[in-house]
Amino acid sequence: MYTHEQMEERLWEFIDGTASSGDRQLTESLIQSQAEWKEKYTDLLEINRLLHASELEAPSLRFSKNVMEEISRMQIAPATKSYINNKIIWGIGLFFITLLVAILGYGFSQMEWTTSGKSSFTEQLSKIDTSRFFNNDLINVFMMINVLLGLVLLDNYFSNKRKQFRKEA
């Protein structure tokens, strides 16, 4: 009828006195009529008695300070600059830049570069058909991610230059 967890929860509510009067009567009848409930009830009563009999120890007044001293004795992880290899980061950046250039080169090679007579450069650019390459959503998302990564790389480069300039000044 009841799972083990439901039985235990109902018995704890009975022991703590938080059960409603109807639940208390039902639990009392279950304890009196069923051996499994009676056995579990006596076990939980013993646990409850031990919990109330024992007094919890308070930590020492220097507990926080002792913990902090132990932490300070341990070796702290070095800053990320010391364990991240910059050559790997530059290699990843170079890979994405090369990939971006390759995609743009492929895209430009797929365009129709038809020009007629003495039209101006802007007219020639307006006649370029980019729809065959740049209408794919996956390509557009990939291009946006590459542009964002390029901007992050550029920002990192300029922030490092700014830090070097401040150190020199």
C-alpha atoms as a PDB file:
ATOM      1  CA  MET A   1       0.000   0.000   0.000  1.00  0.00           C
ATOM      2  CA  TYR A   2       2.751   2.445   0.995  1.00  0.00           C
ATOM      3  CA  THR A   3       6.289   2.579  -0.341  1.00  0.00           C
ATOM      4  CA  HIS A   4       9.178   2.471   2.099  1.00  0.00           C
ATOM      5  CA  GLU A   5       9.785   6.220   1.688  1.00  0.00           C
ATOM      6  CA  GLN A   6       6.114   7.088   2.219  1.00  0.00           C
ATOM      7  CA  MET A   7       5.984   4.906   5.315  1.00  0.00           C
ATOM      8  CA  GLU A   8       9.100   6.532   6.743  1.00  0.00           C
ATOM      9  CA  GLU A   9       7.835  10.033   5.979  1.00  0.00           C
ATOM     10  CA  ARG A  10       4.461   9.300   7.618  1.00  0.00           C
ATOM     11  CA  LEU A  11       6.198   7.854  10.700  1.00  0.00           C
ATOM     12  CA  TRP A  12       8.508  10.883  11.028  1.00  0.00           C
ATOM     13  CA  GLU A  13       5.495  13.207  10.856  1.00  0.00           C
ATOM     14  CA  PHE A  14       3.851  11.080  13.558  1.00  0.00           C
ATOM     15  CA  ILE A  15       6.956  11.167  15.790  1.00  0.00           C
ATOM     16  CA  ASP A  16       7.522  14.905  15.294  1.00  0.00           C
ATOM     17  CA  GLY A  17       3.841  15.673  15.938  1.00  0.00           C
ATOM     18  CA  THR A  18       3.338  17.470  12.609  1.00  0.00           C
ATOM     19  CA  ALA A  19       0.734  15.012  11.244  1.00  0.00           C
ATOM     20  CA  SER A  20      -2.950  15.950  11.149  1.00  0.00           C
ATOM     21  CA  SER A  21      -5.313  14.203  13.565  1.00  0.00           C
ATOM     22  CA  GLY A  22      -6.672  11.911  10.831  1.00  0.00           C
ATOM     23  CA  ASP A  23      -3.145  10.957   9.749  1.00  0.00           C
ATOM     24  CA  ARG A  24      -2.161  10.365  13.385  1.00  0.00           C
ATOM     25  CA  GLN A  25      -5.061   7.942  13.918  1.00  0.00           C
ATOM     26  CA  LEU A  26      -4.308   6.098  10.670  1.00  0.00           C
ATOM     27  CA  THR A  27      -0.596   5.844  11.547  1.00  0.00           C
ATOM     28  CA  GLU A  28      -1.389   4.571  15.062  1.00  0.00           C
ATOM     29  CA  SER A  29      -3.644   1.877  13.662  1.00  0.00           C
ATOM     30  CA  LEU A  30      -0.969   0.864  11.116  1.00  0.00           C
ATOM     31  CA  ILE A  31       1.670   0.666  13.862  1.00  0.00           C
ATOM     32  CA  GLN A  32      -0.591  -1.536  16.013  1.00  0.00           C
ATOM     33  CA  SER A  33      -1.772  -3.798  13.201  1.00  0.00           C
ATOM     34  CA  GLN A  34       1.324  -4.299  11.026  1.00  0.00           C
ATOM     35  CA  ALA A  35       4.681  -5.638  12.219  1.00  0.00           C
ATOM     36  CA  GLU A  36       6.686  -3.822   9.524  1.00  0.00           C
ATOM     37  CA  TRP A  37       5.276  -0.463  10.623  1.00  0.00           C
ATOM     38  CA  LYS A  38       5.863  -1.254  14.309  1.00  0.00           C
ATOM     39  CA  GLU A  39       9.482  -2.285  13.647  1.00  0.00           C
ATOM     40  CA  LYS A  40      10.194   0.841  11.591  1.00  0.00           C
ATOM     41  CA  TYR A  41       8.485   2.992  14.233  1.00  0.00           C
ATOM     42  CA  THR A  42      10.702   1.633  17.022  1.00  0.00           C
ATOM     43  CA  ASP A  43      13.822   2.181  14.869  1.00  0.00           C
ATOM     44  CA  LEU A  44      12.865   5.778  14.135  1.00  0.00           C
ATOM     45  CA  LEU A  45      11.984   6.415  17.791  1.00  0.00           C
ATOM     46  CA  GLU A  46      15.479   5.216  18.757  1.00  0.00           C
ATOM     47  CA  ILE A  47      17.070   7.503  16.148  1.00  0.00           C
ATOM     48  CA  ASN A  48      14.972  10.415  17.394  1.00  0.00           C
ATOM     49  CA  ARG A  49      15.987   9.699  21.002  1.00  0.00           C
ATOM     50  CA  LEU A  50      19.683   9.580  20.051  1.00  0.00           C
ATOM     51  CA  LEU A  51      19.405  12.838  18.139  1.00  0.00           C
ATOM     52  CA  HIS A  52      17.863  14.625  21.091  1.00  0.00           C
ATOM     53  CA  ALA A  53      20.201  12.990  23.639  1.00  0.00           C
ATOM     54  CA  SER A  54      23.437  13.983  21.955  1.00  0.00           C
ATOM     55  CA  GLU A  55      24.620  17.552  22.065  1.00  0.00           C
ATOM     56  CA  LEU A  56      26.136  18.942  18.905  1.00  0.00           C
ATOM     57  CA  GLU A  57      29.643  20.244  19.272  1.00  0.00           C
ATOM     58  CA  ALA A  58      30.196  23.875  18.449  1.00  0.00           C
ATOM     59  CA  PRO A  59      33.255  24.602  16.321  1.00  0.00           C
ATOM     60  CA  SER A  60      36.135  26.358  17.970  1.00  0.00           C
ATOM     61  CA  LEU A  61      36.267  30.124  17.875  1.00  0.00           C
ATOM     62  CA  ARG A  62      39.265  29.958  15.556  1.00  0.00           C
ATOM     63  CA  PHE A  63      37.599  27.520  13.132  1.00  0.00           C
ATOM     64  CA  SER A  64      37.373  29.953  10.202  1.00  0.00           C
ATOM     65  CA  LYS A  65      40.898  31.194  10.748  1.00  0.00           C
ATOM     66  CA  ASN A  66      42.255  27.619  10.972  1.00  0.00           C
ATOM     67  CA  VAL A  67      40.533  26.682   7.711  1.00  0.00           C
ATOM     68  CA  MET A  68      41.892  29.755   5.946  1.00  0.00           C
ATOM     69  CA  GLU A  69      45.407  29.042   7.217  1.00  0.00           C
ATOM     70  CA  GLU A  70      45.225  25.477   5.874  1.00  0.00           C
ATOM     71  CA  ILE A  71      44.043  26.750   2.505  1.00  0.00           C
ATOM     72  CA  SER A  72      46.875  29.282   2.356  1.00  0.00           C
ATOM     73  CA  ARG A  73      49.427  26.482   2.899  1.00  0.00           C
ATOM     74  CA  MET A  74      48.230  24.682  -0.222  1.00  0.00           C
ATOM     75  CA  GLN A  75      49.659  25.565  -3.578  1.00  0.00           C
ATOM     76  CA  ILE A  76      47.365  27.931  -5.415  1.00  0.00           C
ATOM     77  CA  ALA A  77      46.799  27.341  -9.123  1.00  0.00           C
ATOM     78  CA  PRO A  78      48.871  29.685 -11.258  1.00  0.00           C
ATOM     79  CA  ALA A  79      47.338  32.362 -13.426  1.00  0.00           C
ATOM     80  CA  THR A  80      45.941  31.179 -16.741  1.00  0.00           C
ATOM     81  CA  LYS A  81      48.694  32.870 -18.721  1.00  0.00           C
ATOM     82  CA  SER A  82      51.237  30.456 -17.308  1.00  0.00           C
ATOM     83  CA  TYR A  83      49.486  27.238 -18.292  1.00  0.00           C
ATOM     84  CA  ILE A  84      47.717  28.182 -21.537  1.00  0.00           C
ATOM     85  CA  ASN A  85      50.058  27.894 -24.475  1.00  0.00           C
ATOM     86  CA  ASN A  86      49.785  31.026 -26.641  1.00  0.00           C
ATOM     87  CA  LYS A  87      50.975  29.114 -29.714  1.00  0.00           C
ATOM     88  CA  ILE A  88      47.870  26.930 -29.511  1.00  0.00           C
ATOM     89  CA  ILE A  89      45.615  29.984 -29.251  1.00  0.00           C
ATOM     90  CA  TRP A  90      47.324  31.624 -32.226  1.00  0.00           C
ATOM     91  CA  GLY A  91      47.084  28.344 -34.156  1.00  0.00           C
ATOM     92  CA  ILE A  92      43.334  28.165 -33.542  1.00  0.00           C
ATOM     93  CA  GLY A  93      42.968  31.812 -34.567  1.00  0.00           C
ATOM     94  CA  LEU A  94      45.014  31.213 -37.711  1.00  0.00           C
ATOM     95  CA  PHE A  95      42.874  28.190 -38.546  1.00  0.00           C
ATOM     96  CA  PHE A  96      39.671  30.218 -38.333  1.00  0.00           C
ATOM     97  CA  ILE A  97      41.115  33.108 -40.308  1.00  0.00           C
ATOM     98  CA  THR A  98      42.293  30.696 -43.014  1.00  0.00           C
ATOM     99  CA  LEU A  99      38.882  29.062 -43.046  1.00  0.00           C
ATOM    100  CA  LEU A 100      37.189  32.454 -43.314  1.00  0.00           C
ATOM    101  CA  VAL A 101      39.423  33.478 -46.229  1.00  0.00           C
ATOM    102  CA  ALA A 102      38.790  30.128 -47.943  1.00  0.00           C
ATOM    103  CA  ILE A 103      35.025  30.488 -47.600  1.00  0.00           C
ATOM    104  CA  LEU A 104      35.102  34.054 -48.871  1.00  0.00           C
ATOM    105  CA  GLY A 105      37.328  32.989 -51.765  1.00  0.00           C
ATOM    106  CA  TYR A 106      34.946  30.188 -52.642  1.00  0.00           C
ATOM    107  CA  GLY A 107      31.989  32.538 -52.365  1.00  0.00           C
ATOM    108  CA  PHE A 108      33.567  35.136 -54.623  1.00  0.00           C
ATOM    109  CA  SER A 109      34.511  32.447 -57.124  1.00  0.00           C
ATOM    110  CA  GLN A 110      30.860  31.371 -57.350  1.00  0.00           C
ATOM    111  CA  MET A 111      29.630  34.881 -58.142  1.00  0.00           C
ATOM    112  CA  GLU A 112      28.774  36.076 -61.611  1.00  0.00           C
ATOM    113  CA  TRP A 113      31.285  38.773 -62.494  1.00  0.00           C
ATOM    114  CA  THR A 114      29.582  39.852 -65.708  1.00  0.00           C
ATOM    115  CA  THR A 115      30.231  43.453 -66.634  1.00  0.00           C
ATOM    116  CA  SER A 116      29.005  45.405 -69.569  1.00  0.00           C
ATOM    117  CA  GLY A 117      30.975  48.120 -71.297  1.00  0.00           C
ATOM    118  CA  LYS A 118      31.886  51.243 -69.369  1.00  0.00           C
ATOM    119  CA  SER A 119      29.674  50.900 -66.298  1.00  0.00           C
ATOM    120  CA  SER A 120      30.970  52.323 -63.026  1.00  0.00           C
ATOM    121  CA  PHE A 121      32.445  50.193 -60.271  1.00  0.00           C
ATOM    122  CA  THR A 122      29.323  50.536 -58.082  1.00  0.00           C
ATOM    123  CA  GLU A 123      27.135  49.396 -60.949  1.00  0.00           C
ATOM    124  CA  GLN A 124      29.413  46.422 -61.448  1.00  0.00           C
ATOM    125  CA  LEU A 125      29.196  45.549 -57.745  1.00  0.00           C
ATOM    126  CA  SER A 126      25.409  45.760 -57.817  1.00  0.00           C
ATOM    127  CA  LYS A 127      25.319  43.192 -60.627  1.00  0.00           C
ATOM    128  CA  ILE A 128      27.244  40.586 -58.608  1.00  0.00           C
ATOM    129  CA  ASP A 129      24.952  37.640 -57.812  1.00  0.00           C
ATOM    130  CA  THR A 130      25.710  36.536 -54.257  1.00  0.00           C
ATOM    131  CA  SER A 131      22.469  34.620 -53.773  1.00  0.00           C
ATOM    132  CA  ARG A 132      23.981  31.305 -54.832  1.00  0.00           C
ATOM    133  CA  PHE A 133      26.430  31.301 -51.946  1.00  0.00           C
ATOM    134  CA  PHE A 134      25.161  33.505 -49.134  1.00  0.00           C
ATOM    135  CA  ASN A 135      21.555  32.308 -48.994  1.00  0.00           C
ATOM    136  CA  ASN A 136      22.406  29.250 -46.861  1.00  0.00           C
ATOM    137  CA  ASP A 137      21.614  29.833 -43.154  1.00  0.00           C
ATOM    138  CA  LEU A 138      24.389  27.513 -42.022  1.00  0.00           C
ATOM    139  CA  ILE A 139      26.984  29.468 -43.998  1.00  0.00           C
ATOM    140  CA  ASN A 140      25.648  32.765 -42.607  1.00  0.00           C
ATOM    141  CA  VAL A 141      25.841  31.500 -39.004  1.00  0.00           C
ATOM    142  CA  PHE A 142      29.340  30.152 -39.613  1.00  0.00           C
ATOM    143  CA  MET A 143      30.433  33.484 -41.071  1.00  0.00           C
ATOM    144  CA  MET A 144      28.984  35.398 -38.096  1.00  0.00           C
ATOM    145  CA  ILE A 145      30.793  33.124 -35.643  1.00  0.00           C
ATOM    146  CA  ASN A 146      34.066  33.632 -37.511  1.00  0.00           C
ATOM    147  CA  VAL A 147      33.580  37.396 -37.555  1.00  0.00           C
ATOM    148  CA  LEU A 148      32.865  37.396 -33.808  1.00  0.00           C
ATOM    149  CA  LEU A 149      35.935  35.264 -33.112  1.00  0.00           C
ATOM    150  CA  GLY A 150      37.998  37.625 -35.239  1.00  0.00           C
ATOM    151  CA  LEU A 151      36.701  40.608 -33.276  1.00  0.00           C
ATOM    152  CA  VAL A 152      37.506  38.872 -29.983  1.00  0.00           C
ATOM    153  CA  LEU A 153      41.028  38.144 -31.233  1.00  0.00           C
ATOM    154  CA  LEU A 154      41.425  41.764 -32.332  1.00  0.00           C
ATOM    155  CA  ASP A 155      40.135  43.008 -28.964  1.00  0.00           C
ATOM    156  CA  ASN A 156      42.580  40.720 -27.159  1.00  0.00           C
ATOM    157  CA  TYR A 157      45.436  42.014 -29.292  1.00  0.00           C
ATOM    158  CA  PHE A 158      44.587  45.664 -28.627  1.00  0.00           C
ATOM    159  CA  SER A 159      44.060  45.118 -24.891  1.00  0.00           C
ATOM    160  CA  ASN A 160      47.494  43.488 -24.652  1.00  0.00           C
ATOM    161  CA  LYS A 161      49.010  46.441 -26.522  1.00  0.00           C
ATOM    162  CA  ARG A 162      47.216  48.843 -24.143  1.00  0.00           C
ATOM    163  CA  LYS A 163      48.568  46.950 -21.101  1.00  0.00           C
ATOM    164  CA  GLN A 164      52.115  47.058 -22.508  1.00  0.00           C
ATOM    165  CA  PHE A 165      51.759  50.786 -23.177  1.00  0.00           C
ATOM    166  CA  ARG A 166      50.595  51.430 -19.590  1.00  0.00           C
ATOM    167  CA  LYS A 167      53.545  49.429 -18.191  1.00  0.00           C
ATOM    168  CA  GLU A 168      55.996  51.463 -20.236  1.00  0.00           C
ATOM    169  CA  ALA A 169      54.480  54.788 -19.232  1.00  0.00           C
END
